[in-house]
Amino acid sequence: MSAIASKEEAHKMIDRLSADATWDDLMREIYVREAIEKGLGDSNREKTRDVAEIRKRNGLPE
């Protein structure tokens, strides 16, 4: 989560989990949200690369 995440946002995330959620489920939700926020930030700062370029550089099929 970003440094500006609030307790309210954390509570909402927890409330969306199922009643039988585990600590691993919560950690996965935190990780996914953090990854999405980082990706959006990179995109907003134009710090992204074209997928075709990355695939070509690493010898992967398109």
PDB file of N, CA and C in Angstrom:
ATOM      1  N   MET A   1       0.836  -1.179   0.000  1.00  0.00           N
ATOM      2  CA  MET A   1       0.000   0.000   0.000  1.00  0.00           C
ATOM      3  C   MET A   1       0.879   1.240   0.000  1.00  0.00           C
ATOM      4  N   SER A   2       0.405   2.261  -0.602  1.00  0.00           N
ATOM      5  CA  SER A   2       1.193   3.480  -0.643  1.00  0.00           C
ATOM      6  C   SER A   2       1.287   4.101   0.740  1.00  0.00           C
ATOM      7  N   ALA A   3       2.230   4.998   0.891  1.00  0.00           N
ATOM      8  CA  ALA A   3       2.450   5.653   2.173  1.00  0.00           C
ATOM      9  C   ALA A   3       1.245   6.483   2.604  1.00  0.00           C
ATOM     10  N   ILE A   4       0.371   6.831   1.646  1.00  0.00           N
ATOM     11  CA  ILE A   4      -0.778   7.660   1.992  1.00  0.00           C
ATOM     12  C   ILE A   4      -2.038   6.828   2.238  1.00  0.00           C
ATOM     13  N   ALA A   5      -1.878   5.521   2.315  1.00  0.00           N
ATOM     14  CA  ALA A   5      -3.033   4.654   2.598  1.00  0.00           C
ATOM     15  C   ALA A   5      -3.574   4.983   3.981  1.00  0.00           C
ATOM     16  N   SER A   6      -4.877   4.927   4.109  1.00  0.00           N
ATOM     17  CA  SER A   6      -5.487   5.258   5.384  1.00  0.00           C
ATOM     18  C   SER A   6      -6.010   4.004   6.080  1.00  0.00           C
ATOM     19  N   LYS A   7      -6.259   4.131   7.360  1.00  0.00           N
ATOM     20  CA  LYS A   7      -6.851   3.025   8.107  1.00  0.00           C
ATOM     21  C   LYS A   7      -8.210   2.667   7.517  1.00  0.00           C
ATOM     22  N   GLU A   8      -8.941   3.669   7.069  1.00  0.00           N
ATOM     23  CA  GLU A   8     -10.262   3.427   6.484  1.00  0.00           C
ATOM     24  C   GLU A   8     -10.146   2.536   5.244  1.00  0.00           C
ATOM     25  N   GLU A   9      -9.150   2.802   4.396  1.00  0.00           N
ATOM     26  CA  GLU A   9      -8.942   1.977   3.211  1.00  0.00           C
ATOM     27  C   GLU A   9      -8.565   0.553   3.608  1.00  0.00           C
ATOM     28  N   ALA A  10      -7.750   0.403   4.636  1.00  0.00           N
ATOM     29  CA  ALA A  10      -7.355  -0.920   5.116  1.00  0.00           C
ATOM     30  C   ALA A  10      -8.576  -1.677   5.645  1.00  0.00           C
ATOM     31  N   HIS A  11      -9.430  -0.992   6.387  1.00  0.00           N
ATOM     32  CA  HIS A  11     -10.640  -1.628   6.909  1.00  0.00           C
ATOM     33  C   HIS A  11     -11.551  -2.085   5.766  1.00  0.00           C
ATOM     34  N   LYS A  12     -11.680  -1.256   4.738  1.00  0.00           N
ATOM     35  CA  LYS A  12     -12.517  -1.627   3.591  1.00  0.00           C
ATOM     36  C   LYS A  12     -11.971  -2.874   2.907  1.00  0.00           C
ATOM     37  N   MET A  13     -10.645  -2.943   2.781  1.00  0.00           N
ATOM     38  CA  MET A  13     -10.027  -4.108   2.161  1.00  0.00           C
ATOM     39  C   MET A  13     -10.333  -5.360   2.980  1.00  0.00           C
ATOM     40  N   ILE A  14     -10.202  -5.271   4.272  1.00  0.00           N
ATOM     41  CA  ILE A  14     -10.473  -6.409   5.154  1.00  0.00           C
ATOM     42  C   ILE A  14     -11.948  -6.792   5.083  1.00  0.00           C
ATOM     43  N   ASP A  15     -12.828  -5.812   5.077  1.00  0.00           N
ATOM     44  CA  ASP A  15     -14.266  -6.095   5.037  1.00  0.00           C
ATOM     45  C   ASP A  15     -14.687  -6.803   3.748  1.00  0.00           C
ATOM     46  N   ARG A  16     -13.937  -6.602   2.651  1.00  0.00           N
ATOM     47  CA  ARG A  16     -14.264  -7.258   1.382  1.00  0.00           C
ATOM     48  C   ARG A  16     -13.830  -8.722   1.358  1.00  0.00           C
ATOM     49  N   LEU A  17     -12.971  -9.132   2.274  1.00  0.00           N
ATOM     50  CA  LEU A  17     -12.528 -10.528   2.319  1.00  0.00           C
ATOM     51  C   LEU A  17     -13.645 -11.421   2.841  1.00  0.00           C
ATOM     52  N   SER A  18     -13.604 -12.677   2.439  1.00  0.00           N
ATOM     53  CA  SER A  18     -14.614 -13.622   2.921  1.00  0.00           C
ATOM     54  C   SER A  18     -14.390 -13.902   4.409  1.00  0.00           C
ATOM     55  N   ALA A  19     -15.416 -14.419   5.060  1.00  0.00           N
ATOM     56  CA  ALA A  19     -15.353 -14.679   6.498  1.00  0.00           C
ATOM     57  C   ALA A  19     -14.277 -15.702   6.852  1.00  0.00           C
ATOM     58  N   ASP A  20     -13.942 -16.573   5.915  1.00  0.00           N
ATOM     59  CA  ASP A  20     -12.930 -17.589   6.200  1.00  0.00           C
ATOM     60  C   ASP A  20     -11.558 -17.233   5.622  1.00  0.00           C
ATOM     61  N   ALA A  21     -11.330 -15.961   5.333  1.00  0.00           N
ATOM     62  CA  ALA A  21     -10.057 -15.514   4.768  1.00  0.00           C
ATOM     63  C   ALA A  21      -8.915 -15.752   5.749  1.00  0.00           C
ATOM     64  N   THR A  22      -7.747 -16.014   5.180  1.00  0.00           N
ATOM     65  CA  THR A  22      -6.552 -16.257   5.992  1.00  0.00           C
ATOM     66  C   THR A  22      -5.639 -15.035   5.931  1.00  0.00           C
ATOM     67  N   TRP A  23      -4.582 -15.075   6.728  1.00  0.00           N
ATOM     68  CA  TRP A  23      -3.581 -14.012   6.670  1.00  0.00           C
ATOM     69  C   TRP A  23      -2.974 -13.956   5.269  1.00  0.00           C
ATOM     70  N   ASP A  24      -2.776 -15.126   4.662  1.00  0.00           N
ATOM     71  CA  ASP A  24      -2.235 -15.166   3.297  1.00  0.00           C
ATOM     72  C   ASP A  24      -3.160 -14.454   2.317  1.00  0.00           C
ATOM     73  N   ASP A  25      -4.474 -14.618   2.479  1.00  0.00           N
ATOM     74  CA  ASP A  25      -5.438 -13.928   1.620  1.00  0.00           C
ATOM     75  C   ASP A  25      -5.291 -12.420   1.763  1.00  0.00           C
ATOM     76  N   LEU A  26      -5.160 -11.952   2.986  1.00  0.00           N
ATOM     77  CA  LEU A  26      -5.004 -10.515   3.234  1.00  0.00           C
ATOM     78  C   LEU A  26      -3.699 -10.010   2.624  1.00  0.00           C
ATOM     79  N   MET A  27      -2.618 -10.754   2.827  1.00  0.00           N
ATOM     80  CA  MET A  27      -1.329 -10.341   2.282  1.00  0.00           C
ATOM     81  C   MET A  27      -1.362 -10.282   0.753  1.00  0.00           C
ATOM     82  N   ARG A  28      -2.065 -11.228   0.129  1.00  0.00           N
ATOM     83  CA  ARG A  28      -2.196 -11.230  -1.328  1.00  0.00           C
ATOM     84  C   ARG A  28      -2.944  -9.976  -1.790  1.00  0.00           C
ATOM     85  N   GLU A  29      -4.013  -9.626  -1.091  1.00  0.00           N
ATOM     86  CA  GLU A  29      -4.772  -8.414  -1.447  1.00  0.00           C
ATOM     87  C   GLU A  29      -3.892  -7.172  -1.326  1.00  0.00           C
ATOM     88  N   ILE A  30      -3.105  -7.097  -0.272  1.00  0.00           N
ATOM     89  CA  ILE A  30      -2.206  -5.954  -0.076  1.00  0.00           C
ATOM     90  C   ILE A  30      -1.181  -5.906  -1.200  1.00  0.00           C
ATOM     91  N   TYR A  31      -0.583  -7.065  -1.514  1.00  0.00           N
ATOM     92  CA  TYR A  31       0.425  -7.128  -2.570  1.00  0.00           C
ATOM     93  C   TYR A  31      -0.152  -6.700  -3.923  1.00  0.00           C
ATOM     94  N   VAL A  32      -1.331  -7.209  -4.256  1.00  0.00           N
ATOM     95  CA  VAL A  32      -1.949  -6.880  -5.541  1.00  0.00           C
ATOM     96  C   VAL A  32      -2.248  -5.385  -5.617  1.00  0.00           C
ATOM     97  N   ARG A  33      -2.799  -4.841  -4.548  1.00  0.00           N
ATOM     98  CA  ARG A  33      -3.113  -3.407  -4.559  1.00  0.00           C
ATOM     99  C   ARG A  33      -1.845  -2.573  -4.707  1.00  0.00           C
ATOM    100  N   GLU A  34      -0.804  -2.957  -3.985  1.00  0.00           N
ATOM    101  CA  GLU A  34       0.458  -2.236  -4.065  1.00  0.00           C
ATOM    102  C   GLU A  34       1.041  -2.305  -5.478  1.00  0.00           C
ATOM    103  N   ALA A  35       0.984  -3.485  -6.101  1.00  0.00           N
ATOM    104  CA  ALA A  35       1.511  -3.652  -7.451  1.00  0.00           C
ATOM    105  C   ALA A  35       0.732  -2.803  -8.454  1.00  0.00           C
ATOM    106  N   ILE A  36      -0.577  -2.770  -8.305  1.00  0.00           N
ATOM    107  CA  ILE A  36      -1.414  -1.970  -9.213  1.00  0.00           C
ATOM    108  C   ILE A  36      -1.102  -0.486  -9.038  1.00  0.00           C
ATOM    109  N   GLU A  37      -1.018  -0.031  -7.795  1.00  0.00           N
ATOM    110  CA  GLU A  37      -0.719   1.380  -7.548  1.00  0.00           C
ATOM    111  C   GLU A  37       0.651   1.757  -8.102  1.00  0.00           C
ATOM    112  N   LYS A  38       1.636   0.873  -7.949  1.00  0.00           N
ATOM    113  CA  LYS A  38       2.970   1.145  -8.484  1.00  0.00           C
ATOM    114  C   LYS A  38       2.915   1.218 -10.006  1.00  0.00           C
ATOM    115  N   GLY A  39       2.211   0.277 -10.634  1.00  0.00           N
ATOM    116  CA  GLY A  39       2.089   0.283 -12.092  1.00  0.00           C
ATOM    117  C   GLY A  39       1.403   1.532 -12.609  1.00  0.00           C
ATOM    118  N   LEU A  40       0.342   1.950 -11.932  1.00  0.00           N
ATOM    119  CA  LEU A  40      -0.351   3.172 -12.339  1.00  0.00           C
ATOM    120  C   LEU A  40       0.559   4.391 -12.194  1.00  0.00           C
ATOM    121  N   GLY A  41       1.322   4.410 -11.108  1.00  0.00           N
ATOM    122  CA  GLY A  41       2.269   5.509 -10.907  1.00  0.00           C
ATOM    123  C   GLY A  41       3.320   5.546 -12.006  1.00  0.00           C
ATOM    124  N   ASP A  42       3.870   4.374 -12.349  1.00  0.00           N
ATOM    125  CA  ASP A  42       4.851   4.299 -13.431  1.00  0.00           C
ATOM    126  C   ASP A  42       4.233   4.779 -14.739  1.00  0.00           C
ATOM    127  N   SER A  43       3.013   4.371 -15.003  1.00  0.00           N
ATOM    128  CA  SER A  43       2.329   4.778 -16.228  1.00  0.00           C
ATOM    129  C   SER A  43       2.131   6.288 -16.259  1.00  0.00           C
ATOM    130  N   ASN A  44       1.719   6.850 -15.149  1.00  0.00           N
ATOM    131  CA  ASN A  44       1.510   8.298 -15.081  1.00  0.00           C
ATOM    132  C   ASN A  44       2.813   9.076 -15.277  1.00  0.00           C
ATOM    133  N   ARG A  45       3.937   8.477 -14.877  1.00  0.00           N
ATOM    134  CA  ARG A  45       5.247   9.118 -15.044  1.00  0.00           C
ATOM    135  C   ARG A  45       5.913   8.703 -16.354  1.00  0.00           C
ATOM    136  N   GLU A  46       5.145   7.984 -17.191  1.00  0.00           N
ATOM    137  CA  GLU A  46       5.622   7.501 -18.487  1.00  0.00           C
ATOM    138  C   GLU A  46       6.892   6.662 -18.338  1.00  0.00           C
ATOM    139  N   LYS A  47       6.916   5.804 -17.304  1.00  0.00           N
ATOM    140  CA  LYS A  47       8.042   4.913 -17.059  1.00  0.00           C
ATOM    141  C   LYS A  47       7.658   3.479 -17.433  1.00  0.00           C
ATOM    142  N   THR A  48       7.057   3.319 -18.595  1.00  0.00           N
ATOM    143  CA  THR A  48       6.641   1.997 -19.051  1.00  0.00           C
ATOM    144  C   THR A  48       7.339   1.666 -20.358  1.00  0.00           C
ATOM    145  N   ARG A  49       7.283   0.382 -20.721  1.00  0.00           N
ATOM    146  CA  ARG A  49       7.866  -0.060 -21.987  1.00  0.00           C
ATOM    147  C   ARG A  49       6.841  -0.885 -22.738  1.00  0.00           C
ATOM    148  N   ASP A  50       6.984  -0.898 -24.027  1.00  0.00           N
ATOM    149  CA  ASP A  50       6.092  -1.650 -24.887  1.00  0.00           C
ATOM    150  C   ASP A  50       6.318  -3.150 -24.678  1.00  0.00           C
ATOM    151  N   VAL A  51       5.246  -3.913 -24.562  1.00  0.00           N
ATOM    152  CA  VAL A  51       5.333  -5.357 -24.339  1.00  0.00           C
ATOM    153  C   VAL A  51       6.095  -6.035 -25.476  1.00  0.00           C
ATOM    154  N   ALA A  52       5.839  -5.634 -26.712  1.00  0.00           N
ATOM    155  CA  ALA A  52       6.521  -6.231 -27.861  1.00  0.00           C
ATOM    156  C   ALA A  52       8.034  -6.031 -27.754  1.00  0.00           C
ATOM    157  N   GLU A  53       8.457  -4.861 -27.281  1.00  0.00           N
ATOM    158  CA  GLU A  53       9.885  -4.573 -27.108  1.00  0.00           C
ATOM    159  C   GLU A  53      10.515  -5.512 -26.074  1.00  0.00           C
ATOM    160  N   ILE A  54       9.837  -5.710 -24.961  1.00  0.00           N
ATOM    161  CA  ILE A  54      10.339  -6.586 -23.899  1.00  0.00           C
ATOM    162  C   ILE A  54      10.401  -8.029 -24.382  1.00  0.00           C
ATOM    163  N   ARG A  55       9.336  -8.475 -25.073  1.00  0.00           N
ATOM    164  CA  ARG A  55       9.313  -9.852 -25.603  1.00  0.00           C
ATOM    165  C   ARG A  55      10.457 -10.071 -26.585  1.00  0.00           C
ATOM    166  N   LYS A  56      10.684  -9.122 -27.490  1.00  0.00           N
ATOM    167  CA  LYS A  56      11.744  -9.251 -28.482  1.00  0.00           C
ATOM    168  C   LYS A  56      13.106  -9.300 -27.798  1.00  0.00           C
ATOM    169  N   ARG A  57      13.330  -8.431 -26.843  1.00  0.00           N
ATOM    170  CA  ARG A  57      14.610  -8.375 -26.146  1.00  0.00           C
ATOM    171  C   ARG A  57      14.906  -9.656 -25.396  1.00  0.00           C
ATOM    172  N   ASN A  58      13.870 -10.326 -24.906  1.00  0.00           N
ATOM    173  CA  ASN A  58      14.052 -11.547 -24.127  1.00  0.00           C
ATOM    174  C   ASN A  58      13.805 -12.823 -24.939  1.00  0.00           C
ATOM    175  N   GLY A  59      13.642 -12.681 -26.251  1.00  0.00           N
ATOM    176  CA  GLY A  59      13.461 -13.831 -27.120  1.00  0.00           C
ATOM    177  C   GLY A  59      12.159 -14.574 -26.904  1.00  0.00           C
ATOM    178  N   LEU A  60      11.122 -13.860 -26.511  1.00  0.00           N
ATOM    179  CA  LEU A  60       9.816 -14.467 -26.285  1.00  0.00           C
ATOM    180  C   LEU A  60       8.910 -14.263 -27.489  1.00  0.00           C
ATOM    181  N   PRO A  61       7.996 -15.206 -27.727  1.00  0.00           N
ATOM    182  CA  PRO A  61       7.068 -15.037 -28.863  1.00  0.00           C
ATOM    183  C   PRO A  61       6.112 -13.871 -28.610  1.00  0.00           C
ATOM    184  N   GLU A  62       5.660 -13.291 -29.712  1.00  0.00           N
ATOM    185  CA  GLU A  62       4.723 -12.165 -29.571  1.00  0.00           C
ATOM    186  C   GLU A  62       3.315 -12.584 -29.516  1.00  0.00           C
TER     187      GLU A  62
END
